[in-house]
Amino acid sequence: MRRILFMAALTVAAASAAGCRTPPSHLYTLNPAAAGGTAGAPLNVGVVVGPVSIPAIVDTPQIVVSTGPNTVTQDEFNRWASPLQNNIARVVAQNLVAMLGTGRVTLLQDGGQAKSDYQVAIAVQSFESVPGEAATLNAVWTVRRVKDDDTKTGRTSVREPAQQKGYDALVAAHSRALARLSQEIADAIRALNSGG
């Protein structure tokens, strides 16, 4: 009788534990644009990317999604694999390598300011995520030529549709938005470089 009660208790405990399991966390990372040719002749210039600032509302490990006109939620089980600020800087730097045709692109956070010809600062104003709909990026950026402090400033506003439901499509849309931002920065570097 004791054995039957013990087995019954064990079965109930196992069933309870199975029912209380939390779903696994999924980690996401932004990716650079697919490698294509440069938009002009390769530039032999050094570029440092940073600082990059992001709004406090999205400065969390959890992906923050908009659930209504004035509401957001942090998704506990869908997270960024690294801090979003670093992730954005890394992707922009990788995009600039391809878009400018130079391997001399570094990150400010890695101490990359030595021997740079240009510095890129990015202030992300909004980074909105609506699963199944779109990723929106609004950023103000400045490219500074180090030798004479000549600058170009711009604003990039992009709304990239998420082509499917789910976080994979949403993160891919954010990556495409960052590719547009990177292209505008690359164009500004080329303009400054051709201007002396």
N, C-alpha and C. Protein backbone atom coordinates (compact mmCIF):
# COMPACT_ATOMS: atom_id res chain seq x y z
N MET A 1 0.83 -1.20 0.00
CA MET A 1 0.00 0.00 0.00
C MET A 1 0.87 1.26 0.00
N ARG A 2 1.95 1.20 0.80
CA ARG A 2 2.85 2.34 0.85
C ARG A 2 3.48 2.59 -0.51
N ARG A 3 3.83 1.51 -1.17
CA ARG A 3 4.46 1.62 -2.48
C ARG A 3 3.50 2.29 -3.47
N ILE A 4 2.24 1.93 -3.44
CA ILE A 4 1.25 2.52 -4.34
C ILE A 4 1.09 4.00 -4.05
N LEU A 5 1.01 4.37 -2.76
CA LEU A 5 0.89 5.77 -2.39
C LEU A 5 2.13 6.56 -2.81
N PHE A 6 3.32 5.96 -2.64
CA PHE A 6 4.55 6.62 -3.03
C PHE A 6 4.58 6.86 -4.54
N MET A 7 4.19 5.85 -5.31
CA MET A 7 4.17 5.98 -6.77
C MET A 7 3.15 7.04 -7.21
N ALA A 8 2.01 7.08 -6.56
CA ALA A 8 0.98 8.07 -6.88
C ALA A 8 1.49 9.48 -6.59
N ALA A 9 2.15 9.64 -5.43
CA ALA A 9 2.70 10.95 -5.07
C ALA A 9 3.78 11.37 -6.05
N LEU A 10 4.61 10.44 -6.46
CA LEU A 10 5.67 10.71 -7.42
C LEU A 10 5.09 11.13 -8.78
N THR A 11 4.03 10.46 -9.21
CA THR A 11 3.37 10.79 -10.47
C THR A 11 2.77 12.18 -10.41
N VAL A 12 2.10 12.53 -9.29
CA VAL A 12 1.50 13.86 -9.13
C VAL A 12 2.59 14.93 -9.13
N ALA A 13 3.71 14.66 -8.44
CA ALA A 13 4.81 15.63 -8.39
C ALA A 13 5.40 15.84 -9.79
N ALA A 14 5.59 14.76 -10.53
CA ALA A 14 6.14 14.87 -11.89
C ALA A 14 5.20 15.65 -12.80
N ALA A 15 3.90 15.38 -12.69
CA ALA A 15 2.92 16.09 -13.52
C ALA A 15 2.89 17.57 -13.16
N SER A 16 3.00 17.88 -11.87
CA SER A 16 3.00 19.29 -11.44
C SER A 16 4.24 20.00 -11.97
N ALA A 17 5.38 19.33 -11.88
CA ALA A 17 6.62 19.94 -12.36
C ALA A 17 6.55 20.18 -13.87
N ALA A 18 5.99 19.25 -14.60
CA ALA A 18 5.87 19.41 -16.05
C ALA A 18 4.93 20.56 -16.39
N GLY A 19 3.87 20.73 -15.62
CA GLY A 19 2.91 21.80 -15.87
C GLY A 19 3.45 23.17 -15.52
N CYS A 20 4.45 23.24 -14.64
CA CYS A 20 5.00 24.51 -14.20
C CYS A 20 6.25 24.91 -14.98
N ARG A 21 6.63 24.15 -15.96
CA ARG A 21 7.82 24.48 -16.74
C ARG A 21 7.63 25.81 -17.44
N THR A 22 8.67 26.63 -17.38
CA THR A 22 8.60 27.89 -18.10
C THR A 22 9.07 27.66 -19.53
N PRO A 23 8.51 28.38 -20.46
CA PRO A 23 8.96 28.22 -21.84
C PRO A 23 10.42 28.64 -21.97
N PRO A 24 11.15 28.08 -22.91
CA PRO A 24 12.55 28.45 -23.05
C PRO A 24 12.68 29.88 -23.59
N SER A 25 13.76 30.54 -23.20
CA SER A 25 14.04 31.88 -23.73
C SER A 25 14.67 31.74 -25.11
N HIS A 26 14.34 32.67 -25.99
CA HIS A 26 14.92 32.72 -27.32
C HIS A 26 15.78 33.98 -27.39
N LEU A 27 16.99 33.85 -27.88
CA LEU A 27 17.90 34.97 -27.99
C LEU A 27 18.02 35.41 -29.44
N TYR A 28 18.03 36.73 -29.67
CA TYR A 28 18.07 37.28 -31.02
C TYR A 28 19.21 38.27 -31.14
N THR A 29 19.74 38.35 -32.35
CA THR A 29 20.78 39.32 -32.65
C THR A 29 20.50 39.97 -33.99
N LEU A 30 20.83 41.23 -34.09
CA LEU A 30 20.69 41.94 -35.35
C LEU A 30 21.81 41.50 -36.28
N ASN A 31 21.57 41.56 -37.58
CA ASN A 31 22.56 41.11 -38.55
C ASN A 31 22.86 42.20 -39.57
N PRO A 32 24.12 42.23 -40.06
CA PRO A 32 24.45 43.19 -41.11
C PRO A 32 23.73 42.84 -42.41
N ALA A 33 23.68 43.81 -43.30
CA ALA A 33 23.05 43.60 -44.61
C ALA A 33 23.82 42.53 -45.36
N ALA A 34 23.12 41.85 -46.25
CA ALA A 34 23.79 40.86 -47.09
C ALA A 34 24.89 41.56 -47.88
N ALA A 35 26.04 40.92 -47.95
CA ALA A 35 27.19 41.53 -48.62
C ALA A 35 26.89 41.76 -50.08
N GLY A 36 26.99 42.99 -50.48
CA GLY A 36 26.88 43.35 -51.89
C GLY A 36 28.11 44.17 -52.22
N GLY A 37 28.21 44.69 -53.39
CA GLY A 37 29.35 45.53 -53.73
C GLY A 37 29.25 46.87 -53.04
N THR A 38 30.36 47.59 -53.01
CA THR A 38 30.33 48.94 -52.45
C THR A 38 29.59 49.84 -53.43
N ALA A 39 29.07 50.95 -52.92
CA ALA A 39 28.31 51.87 -53.75
C ALA A 39 29.23 52.84 -54.49
N GLY A 40 30.51 52.59 -54.49
CA GLY A 40 31.49 53.42 -55.16
C GLY A 40 32.85 52.78 -55.00
N ALA A 41 33.88 53.52 -55.34
CA ALA A 41 35.23 52.99 -55.19
C ALA A 41 35.53 52.75 -53.71
N PRO A 42 36.26 51.69 -53.39
CA PRO A 42 36.61 51.46 -51.99
C PRO A 42 37.38 52.65 -51.42
N LEU A 43 37.09 52.98 -50.18
CA LEU A 43 37.78 54.09 -49.50
C LEU A 43 38.78 53.52 -48.51
N ASN A 44 39.98 54.04 -48.53
CA ASN A 44 40.98 53.62 -47.56
C ASN A 44 40.95 54.61 -46.39
N VAL A 45 39.87 54.55 -45.63
CA VAL A 45 39.71 55.45 -44.49
C VAL A 45 39.42 54.63 -43.24
N GLY A 46 39.79 55.21 -42.10
CA GLY A 46 39.46 54.60 -40.82
C GLY A 46 38.21 55.25 -40.25
N VAL A 47 37.30 54.43 -39.78
CA VAL A 47 36.03 54.93 -39.23
C VAL A 47 35.84 54.30 -37.86
N VAL A 48 35.48 55.11 -36.88
CA VAL A 48 35.12 54.58 -35.57
C VAL A 48 33.64 54.85 -35.36
N VAL A 49 32.91 53.82 -34.96
CA VAL A 49 31.46 53.92 -34.73
C VAL A 49 31.22 54.02 -33.23
N GLY A 50 30.63 55.12 -32.81
CA GLY A 50 30.29 55.31 -31.41
C GLY A 50 30.56 56.76 -31.03
N PRO A 51 29.88 57.24 -30.03
CA PRO A 51 28.93 56.50 -29.20
C PRO A 51 27.59 56.27 -29.90
N VAL A 52 26.90 55.25 -29.44
CA VAL A 52 25.54 54.95 -29.87
C VAL A 52 24.66 55.01 -28.63
N SER A 53 23.62 55.82 -28.69
CA SER A 53 22.69 55.88 -27.55
C SER A 53 21.33 55.39 -28.00
N ILE A 54 20.59 54.80 -27.07
CA ILE A 54 19.25 54.28 -27.35
C ILE A 54 18.30 54.76 -26.27
N PRO A 55 17.00 54.81 -26.56
CA PRO A 55 16.04 55.23 -25.53
C PRO A 55 16.03 54.26 -24.35
N ALA A 56 15.86 54.78 -23.16
CA ALA A 56 15.84 53.96 -21.95
C ALA A 56 14.76 52.88 -22.02
N ILE A 57 13.66 53.16 -22.70
CA ILE A 57 12.55 52.21 -22.74
C ILE A 57 12.94 50.88 -23.40
N VAL A 58 13.91 50.91 -24.34
CA VAL A 58 14.32 49.66 -25.00
C VAL A 58 15.70 49.18 -24.53
N ASP A 59 16.25 49.85 -23.53
CA ASP A 59 17.57 49.48 -23.02
C ASP A 59 17.44 48.37 -21.97
N THR A 60 16.90 47.25 -22.41
CA THR A 60 16.69 46.09 -21.54
C THR A 60 17.06 44.83 -22.31
N PRO A 61 17.36 43.74 -21.61
CA PRO A 61 17.63 42.49 -22.32
C PRO A 61 16.40 41.97 -23.07
N GLN A 62 15.21 42.23 -22.52
CA GLN A 62 13.98 41.76 -23.14
C GLN A 62 13.65 42.61 -24.37
N ILE A 63 13.09 41.99 -25.39
CA ILE A 63 12.60 42.75 -26.54
C ILE A 63 11.32 43.45 -26.10
N VAL A 64 11.29 44.75 -26.31
CA VAL A 64 10.12 45.56 -25.93
C VAL A 64 9.24 45.69 -27.15
N VAL A 65 7.97 45.30 -27.00
CA VAL A 65 7.05 45.35 -28.13
C VAL A 65 5.89 46.30 -27.82
N SER A 66 5.44 46.99 -28.86
CA SER A 66 4.27 47.87 -28.73
C SER A 66 3.02 47.01 -28.82
N THR A 67 2.12 47.20 -27.86
CA THR A 67 0.88 46.42 -27.84
C THR A 67 -0.34 47.30 -28.08
N GLY A 68 -0.14 48.60 -28.19
CA GLY A 68 -1.22 49.53 -28.43
C GLY A 68 -0.64 50.92 -28.62
N PRO A 69 -1.49 51.92 -28.86
CA PRO A 69 -0.98 53.27 -29.12
C PRO A 69 -0.13 53.82 -27.97
N ASN A 70 -0.45 53.46 -26.74
CA ASN A 70 0.29 53.99 -25.59
C ASN A 70 0.78 52.91 -24.65
N THR A 71 0.90 51.68 -25.16
CA THR A 71 1.32 50.59 -24.28
C THR A 71 2.42 49.76 -24.92
N VAL A 72 3.32 49.32 -24.06
CA VAL A 72 4.39 48.41 -24.47
C VAL A 72 4.50 47.31 -23.44
N THR A 73 5.16 46.24 -23.83
CA THR A 73 5.41 45.16 -22.89
C THR A 73 6.80 44.60 -23.15
N GLN A 74 7.44 44.12 -22.09
CA GLN A 74 8.72 43.44 -22.23
C GLN A 74 8.45 41.95 -22.33
N ASP A 75 8.98 41.34 -23.36
CA ASP A 75 8.77 39.91 -23.56
C ASP A 75 9.87 39.15 -22.84
N GLU A 76 9.53 38.52 -21.73
CA GLU A 76 10.51 37.83 -20.89
C GLU A 76 11.20 36.67 -21.60
N PHE A 77 10.57 36.10 -22.61
CA PHE A 77 11.11 34.89 -23.23
C PHE A 77 11.73 35.14 -24.60
N ASN A 78 11.73 36.40 -25.04
CA ASN A 78 12.37 36.78 -26.29
C ASN A 78 13.28 37.95 -25.97
N ARG A 79 14.59 37.68 -26.04
CA ARG A 79 15.59 38.63 -25.54
C ARG A 79 16.67 38.90 -26.56
N TRP A 80 17.36 40.02 -26.38
CA TRP A 80 18.54 40.32 -27.17
C TRP A 80 19.71 39.51 -26.65
N ALA A 81 20.51 38.98 -27.55
CA ALA A 81 21.66 38.15 -27.16
C ALA A 81 22.78 38.99 -26.55
N SER A 82 22.81 40.28 -26.85
CA SER A 82 23.78 41.20 -26.26
C SER A 82 23.07 42.54 -26.08
N PRO A 83 23.64 43.46 -25.31
CA PRO A 83 22.98 44.75 -25.13
C PRO A 83 22.65 45.40 -26.47
N LEU A 84 21.44 45.91 -26.61
CA LEU A 84 20.96 46.45 -27.88
C LEU A 84 21.87 47.55 -28.42
N GLN A 85 22.36 48.40 -27.55
CA GLN A 85 23.24 49.49 -27.93
C GLN A 85 24.50 48.94 -28.64
N ASN A 86 25.11 47.92 -28.05
CA ASN A 86 26.30 47.29 -28.64
C ASN A 86 25.95 46.58 -29.95
N ASN A 87 24.79 45.94 -29.96
CA ASN A 87 24.32 45.21 -31.13
C ASN A 87 24.17 46.16 -32.32
N ILE A 88 23.57 47.32 -32.09
CA ILE A 88 23.39 48.31 -33.15
C ILE A 88 24.74 48.81 -33.66
N ALA A 89 25.65 49.17 -32.74
CA ALA A 89 26.98 49.65 -33.13
C ALA A 89 27.71 48.62 -33.97
N ARG A 90 27.66 47.35 -33.55
CA ARG A 90 28.35 46.27 -34.27
C ARG A 90 27.81 46.13 -35.69
N VAL A 91 26.49 46.14 -35.84
CA VAL A 91 25.87 45.96 -37.15
C VAL A 91 26.18 47.14 -38.06
N VAL A 92 26.10 48.36 -37.55
CA VAL A 92 26.44 49.53 -38.37
C VAL A 92 27.90 49.45 -38.81
N ALA A 93 28.79 49.07 -37.91
CA ALA A 93 30.21 48.95 -38.27
C ALA A 93 30.41 47.90 -39.36
N GLN A 94 29.77 46.75 -39.22
CA GLN A 94 29.91 45.71 -40.24
C GLN A 94 29.32 46.16 -41.58
N ASN A 95 28.22 46.87 -41.54
CA ASN A 95 27.64 47.40 -42.78
C ASN A 95 28.59 48.39 -43.45
N LEU A 96 29.22 49.26 -42.64
CA LEU A 96 30.13 50.26 -43.21
C LEU A 96 31.36 49.61 -43.84
N VAL A 97 31.84 48.52 -43.28
CA VAL A 97 32.96 47.78 -43.89
C VAL A 97 32.59 47.42 -45.33
N ALA A 98 31.41 46.86 -45.51
CA ALA A 98 30.97 46.44 -46.85
C ALA A 98 30.64 47.64 -47.74
N MET A 99 29.97 48.64 -47.21
CA MET A 99 29.50 49.76 -48.02
C MET A 99 30.61 50.70 -48.45
N LEU A 100 31.66 50.80 -47.62
CA LEU A 100 32.77 51.69 -47.94
C LEU A 100 33.95 50.95 -48.56
N GLY A 101 33.96 49.64 -48.43
CA GLY A 101 35.07 48.86 -48.97
C GLY A 101 36.35 49.03 -48.18
N THR A 102 36.22 49.24 -46.87
CA THR A 102 37.40 49.38 -46.01
C THR A 102 37.30 48.42 -44.84
N GLY A 103 38.42 47.86 -44.47
CA GLY A 103 38.45 47.00 -43.29
C GLY A 103 38.79 47.76 -42.03
N ARG A 104 38.93 49.07 -42.15
CA ARG A 104 39.37 49.89 -41.02
C ARG A 104 38.19 50.55 -40.30
N VAL A 105 37.22 49.74 -39.92
CA VAL A 105 36.07 50.23 -39.16
C VAL A 105 36.10 49.56 -37.81
N THR A 106 36.11 50.36 -36.76
CA THR A 106 36.19 49.84 -35.39
C THR A 106 35.07 50.43 -34.55
N LEU A 107 34.95 49.92 -33.34
CA LEU A 107 33.93 50.39 -32.40
C LEU A 107 34.57 51.22 -31.31
N LEU A 108 33.96 52.34 -30.97
CA LEU A 108 34.46 53.19 -29.89
C LEU A 108 34.54 52.40 -28.59
N GLN A 109 33.55 51.54 -28.34
CA GLN A 109 33.52 50.77 -27.10
C GLN A 109 34.70 49.81 -26.98
N ASP A 110 35.34 49.49 -28.12
CA ASP A 110 36.52 48.62 -28.10
C ASP A 110 37.82 49.41 -28.13
N GLY A 111 37.73 50.71 -27.88
CA GLY A 111 38.92 51.56 -27.90
C GLY A 111 39.42 51.84 -29.29
N GLY A 112 38.52 51.91 -30.26
CA GLY A 112 38.91 52.01 -31.66
C GLY A 112 39.14 53.41 -32.18
N GLN A 113 39.37 54.41 -31.32
CA GLN A 113 39.46 55.77 -31.81
C GLN A 113 40.81 56.11 -32.43
N ALA A 114 41.85 55.36 -32.11
CA ALA A 114 43.17 55.66 -32.63
C ALA A 114 43.19 55.53 -34.16
N LYS A 115 43.82 56.49 -34.82
CA LYS A 115 44.02 56.48 -36.27
C LYS A 115 42.73 56.42 -37.07
N SER A 116 41.69 57.02 -36.56
CA SER A 116 40.46 57.05 -37.35
C SER A 116 40.39 58.37 -38.11
N ASP A 117 39.84 58.30 -39.31
CA ASP A 117 39.64 59.49 -40.12
C ASP A 117 38.26 60.11 -39.87
N TYR A 118 37.30 59.24 -39.51
CA TYR A 118 35.93 59.67 -39.29
C TYR A 118 35.38 59.03 -38.03
N GLN A 119 34.53 59.78 -37.33
CA GLN A 119 33.81 59.23 -36.18
C GLN A 119 32.32 59.37 -36.43
N VAL A 120 31.59 58.31 -36.15
CA VAL A 120 30.15 58.27 -36.35
C VAL A 120 29.46 58.18 -34.98
N ALA A 121 28.62 59.15 -34.67
CA ALA A 121 27.82 59.11 -33.44
C ALA A 121 26.36 58.93 -33.84
N ILE A 122 25.67 58.05 -33.13
CA ILE A 122 24.27 57.74 -33.46
C ILE A 122 23.42 57.89 -32.20
N ALA A 123 22.37 58.68 -32.30
CA ALA A 123 21.40 58.80 -31.21
C ALA A 123 20.08 58.23 -31.71
N VAL A 124 19.76 57.03 -31.28
CA VAL A 124 18.50 56.40 -31.67
C VAL A 124 17.38 57.07 -30.88
N GLN A 125 16.42 57.65 -31.58
CA GLN A 125 15.30 58.34 -30.94
C GLN A 125 14.17 57.38 -30.62
N SER A 126 13.92 56.44 -31.53
CA SER A 126 12.90 55.41 -31.27
C SER A 126 13.30 54.13 -31.99
N PHE A 127 12.96 53.01 -31.35
CA PHE A 127 13.27 51.68 -31.85
C PHE A 127 12.05 50.84 -31.48
N GLU A 128 11.05 50.87 -32.37
CA GLU A 128 9.75 50.28 -32.03
C GLU A 128 9.56 48.94 -32.74
N SER A 129 8.95 48.03 -32.01
CA SER A 129 8.73 46.67 -32.51
C SER A 129 7.27 46.30 -32.38
N VAL A 130 6.65 45.94 -33.50
CA VAL A 130 5.27 45.45 -33.49
C VAL A 130 5.27 44.11 -34.22
N PRO A 131 5.28 43.00 -33.48
CA PRO A 131 5.34 41.69 -34.14
C PRO A 131 4.22 41.51 -35.16
N GLY A 132 4.58 40.98 -36.32
CA GLY A 132 3.60 40.76 -37.38
C GLY A 132 3.28 41.99 -38.18
N GLU A 133 3.83 43.15 -37.78
CA GLU A 133 3.55 44.39 -38.50
C GLU A 133 4.82 45.05 -39.01
N ALA A 134 5.60 45.68 -38.11
CA ALA A 134 6.75 46.44 -38.59
C ALA A 134 7.75 46.72 -37.48
N ALA A 135 8.95 47.06 -37.93
CA ALA A 135 10.00 47.59 -37.06
C ALA A 135 10.24 49.03 -37.50
N THR A 136 10.29 49.94 -36.54
CA THR A 136 10.48 51.36 -36.86
C THR A 136 11.73 51.87 -36.17
N LEU A 137 12.54 52.59 -36.92
CA LEU A 137 13.78 53.17 -36.41
C LEU A 137 13.82 54.64 -36.77
N ASN A 138 14.06 55.48 -35.78
CA ASN A 138 14.30 56.91 -35.99
C ASN A 138 15.61 57.23 -35.28
N ALA A 139 16.56 57.77 -36.03
CA ALA A 139 17.87 58.05 -35.44
C ALA A 139 18.44 59.34 -36.02
N VAL A 140 19.14 60.07 -35.18
CA VAL A 140 19.91 61.24 -35.59
C VAL A 140 21.37 60.80 -35.54
N TRP A 141 22.13 61.12 -36.58
CA TRP A 141 23.53 60.71 -36.62
C TRP A 141 24.41 61.86 -37.07
N THR A 142 25.67 61.78 -36.66
CA THR A 142 26.66 62.77 -37.04
C THR A 142 27.92 62.05 -37.48
N VAL A 143 28.44 62.44 -38.63
CA VAL A 143 29.73 61.96 -39.10
C VAL A 143 30.70 63.14 -38.97
N ARG A 144 31.80 62.92 -38.25
CA ARG A 144 32.79 63.98 -38.03
C ARG A 144 34.12 63.57 -38.67
N ARG A 145 34.66 64.47 -39.52
CA ARG A 145 35.99 64.22 -40.06
C ARG A 145 36.98 64.67 -38.99
N VAL A 146 37.83 63.77 -38.54
CA VAL A 146 38.68 64.02 -37.39
C VAL A 146 39.69 65.14 -37.64
N LYS A 147 40.28 65.21 -38.84
CA LYS A 147 41.39 66.15 -39.06
C LYS A 147 40.98 67.61 -38.96
N ASP A 148 39.70 67.94 -39.27
CA ASP A 148 39.30 69.35 -39.22
C ASP A 148 37.94 69.58 -38.56
N ASP A 149 37.37 68.52 -38.00
CA ASP A 149 36.08 68.62 -37.30
C ASP A 149 34.91 69.00 -38.21
N ASP A 150 35.08 68.87 -39.52
CA ASP A 150 33.96 69.10 -40.43
C ASP A 150 32.94 67.98 -40.21
N THR A 151 31.67 68.32 -40.18
CA THR A 151 30.65 67.32 -39.86
C THR A 151 29.50 67.34 -40.85
N LYS A 152 28.84 66.21 -40.93
CA LYS A 152 27.55 66.08 -41.61
C LYS A 152 26.61 65.42 -40.61
N THR A 153 25.42 65.97 -40.51
CA THR A 153 24.41 65.43 -39.60
C THR A 153 23.18 65.07 -40.40
N GLY A 154 22.53 64.00 -40.02
CA GLY A 154 21.32 63.60 -40.71
C GLY A 154 20.35 62.89 -39.79
N ARG A 155 19.17 62.67 -40.32
CA ARG A 155 18.15 61.91 -39.59
C ARG A 155 17.67 60.80 -40.50
N THR A 156 17.62 59.60 -39.95
CA THR A 156 17.11 58.45 -40.69
C THR A 156 15.83 57.98 -40.02
N SER A 157 14.76 57.91 -40.79
CA SER A 157 13.48 57.40 -40.30
C SER A 157 13.05 56.28 -41.23
N VAL A 158 12.92 55.09 -40.67
CA VAL A 158 12.62 53.91 -41.48
C VAL A 158 11.52 53.10 -40.79
N ARG A 159 10.56 52.65 -41.59
CA ARG A 159 9.57 51.69 -41.12
C ARG A 159 9.65 50.49 -42.04
N GLU A 160 10.17 49.38 -41.52
CA GLU A 160 10.35 48.16 -42.30
C GLU A 160 9.26 47.16 -41.92
N PRO A 161 8.49 46.69 -42.89
CA PRO A 161 7.46 45.70 -42.56
C PRO A 161 8.08 44.39 -42.09
N ALA A 162 7.44 43.80 -41.10
CA ALA A 162 7.81 42.44 -40.67
C ALA A 162 7.01 41.50 -41.56
N GLN A 163 7.69 40.75 -42.38
CA GLN A 163 7.02 40.01 -43.45
C GLN A 163 6.26 38.78 -42.96
N GLN A 164 6.47 38.40 -41.71
CA GLN A 164 5.73 37.30 -41.12
C GLN A 164 5.50 37.62 -39.66
N LYS A 165 4.67 36.81 -39.02
CA LYS A 165 4.52 36.95 -37.57
C LYS A 165 5.73 36.33 -36.91
N GLY A 166 6.01 36.71 -35.70
CA GLY A 166 7.11 36.11 -34.97
C GLY A 166 8.31 37.04 -34.88
N TYR A 167 9.19 36.70 -33.96
CA TYR A 167 10.33 37.55 -33.65
C TYR A 167 11.43 37.46 -34.70
N ASP A 168 11.60 36.32 -35.37
CA ASP A 168 12.62 36.24 -36.42
C ASP A 168 12.38 37.31 -37.47
N ALA A 169 11.14 37.44 -37.93
CA ALA A 169 10.80 38.43 -38.96
C ALA A 169 10.95 39.84 -38.43
N LEU A 170 10.61 40.06 -37.18
CA LEU A 170 10.72 41.39 -36.57
C LEU A 170 12.18 41.82 -36.47
N VAL A 171 13.04 40.93 -36.01
CA VAL A 171 14.47 41.25 -35.88
C VAL A 171 15.08 41.45 -37.26
N ALA A 172 14.66 40.66 -38.25
CA ALA A 172 15.15 40.85 -39.62
C ALA A 172 14.74 42.23 -40.15
N ALA A 173 13.53 42.67 -39.81
CA ALA A 173 13.08 44.01 -40.23
C ALA A 173 13.94 45.09 -39.58
N HIS A 174 14.29 44.93 -38.31
CA HIS A 174 15.18 45.89 -37.65
C HIS A 174 16.55 45.89 -38.32
N SER A 175 17.03 44.72 -38.73
CA SER A 175 18.32 44.64 -39.42
C SER A 175 18.28 45.40 -40.74
N ARG A 176 17.17 45.29 -41.47
CA ARG A 176 17.03 46.03 -42.73
C ARG A 176 16.98 47.53 -42.48
N ALA A 177 16.32 47.93 -41.40
CA ALA A 177 16.27 49.36 -41.05
C ALA A 177 17.68 49.88 -40.75
N LEU A 178 18.48 49.08 -40.05
CA LEU A 178 19.86 49.49 -39.75
C LEU A 178 20.71 49.55 -41.01
N ALA A 179 20.40 48.72 -42.00
CA ALA A 179 21.11 48.79 -43.28
C ALA A 179 20.85 50.13 -43.96
N ARG A 180 19.60 50.62 -43.89
CA ARG A 180 19.27 51.94 -44.46
C ARG A 180 20.02 53.04 -43.71
N LEU A 181 20.04 52.96 -42.39
CA LEU A 181 20.79 53.93 -41.58
C LEU A 181 22.26 53.91 -41.98
N SER A 182 22.83 52.72 -42.10
CA SER A 182 24.24 52.58 -42.44
C SER A 182 24.54 53.17 -43.81
N GLN A 183 23.63 52.96 -44.77
CA GLN A 183 23.86 53.48 -46.12
C GLN A 183 23.88 55.00 -46.12
N GLU A 184 23.00 55.62 -45.35
CA GLU A 184 22.99 57.08 -45.28
C GLU A 184 24.27 57.61 -44.62
N ILE A 185 24.76 56.89 -43.63
CA ILE A 185 26.03 57.27 -42.98
C ILE A 185 27.18 57.08 -43.96
N ALA A 186 27.20 55.98 -44.69
CA ALA A 186 28.25 55.73 -45.68
C ALA A 186 28.26 56.82 -46.74
N ASP A 187 27.07 57.24 -47.19
CA ASP A 187 26.98 58.31 -48.19
C ASP A 187 27.56 59.62 -47.64
N ALA A 188 27.32 59.89 -46.35
CA ALA A 188 27.85 61.11 -45.74
C ALA A 188 29.37 61.04 -45.64
N ILE A 189 29.91 59.89 -45.31
CA ILE A 189 31.37 59.72 -45.25
C ILE A 189 31.97 59.95 -46.63
N ARG A 190 31.35 59.39 -47.65
CA ARG A 190 31.85 59.58 -49.02
C ARG A 190 31.80 61.06 -49.42
N ALA A 191 30.73 61.75 -49.04
CA ALA A 191 30.61 63.17 -49.38
C ALA A 191 31.69 63.98 -48.68
N LEU A 192 31.92 63.72 -47.41
CA LEU A 192 32.97 64.43 -46.68
C LEU A 192 34.34 64.11 -47.26
N ASN A 193 34.55 62.86 -47.63
CA ASN A 193 35.85 62.45 -48.14
C ASN A 193 36.14 63.10 -49.49
N SER A 194 35.13 63.24 -50.32
CA SER A 194 35.34 63.83 -51.64
C SER A 194 35.47 65.36 -51.54
N GLY A 195 35.01 65.89 -50.42
CA GLY A 195 35.09 67.35 -50.22
C GLY A 195 36.38 67.79 -49.58
N GLY A 196 37.34 66.91 -49.45
CA GLY A 196 38.64 67.36 -48.95
C GLY A 196 39.04 66.75 -47.66
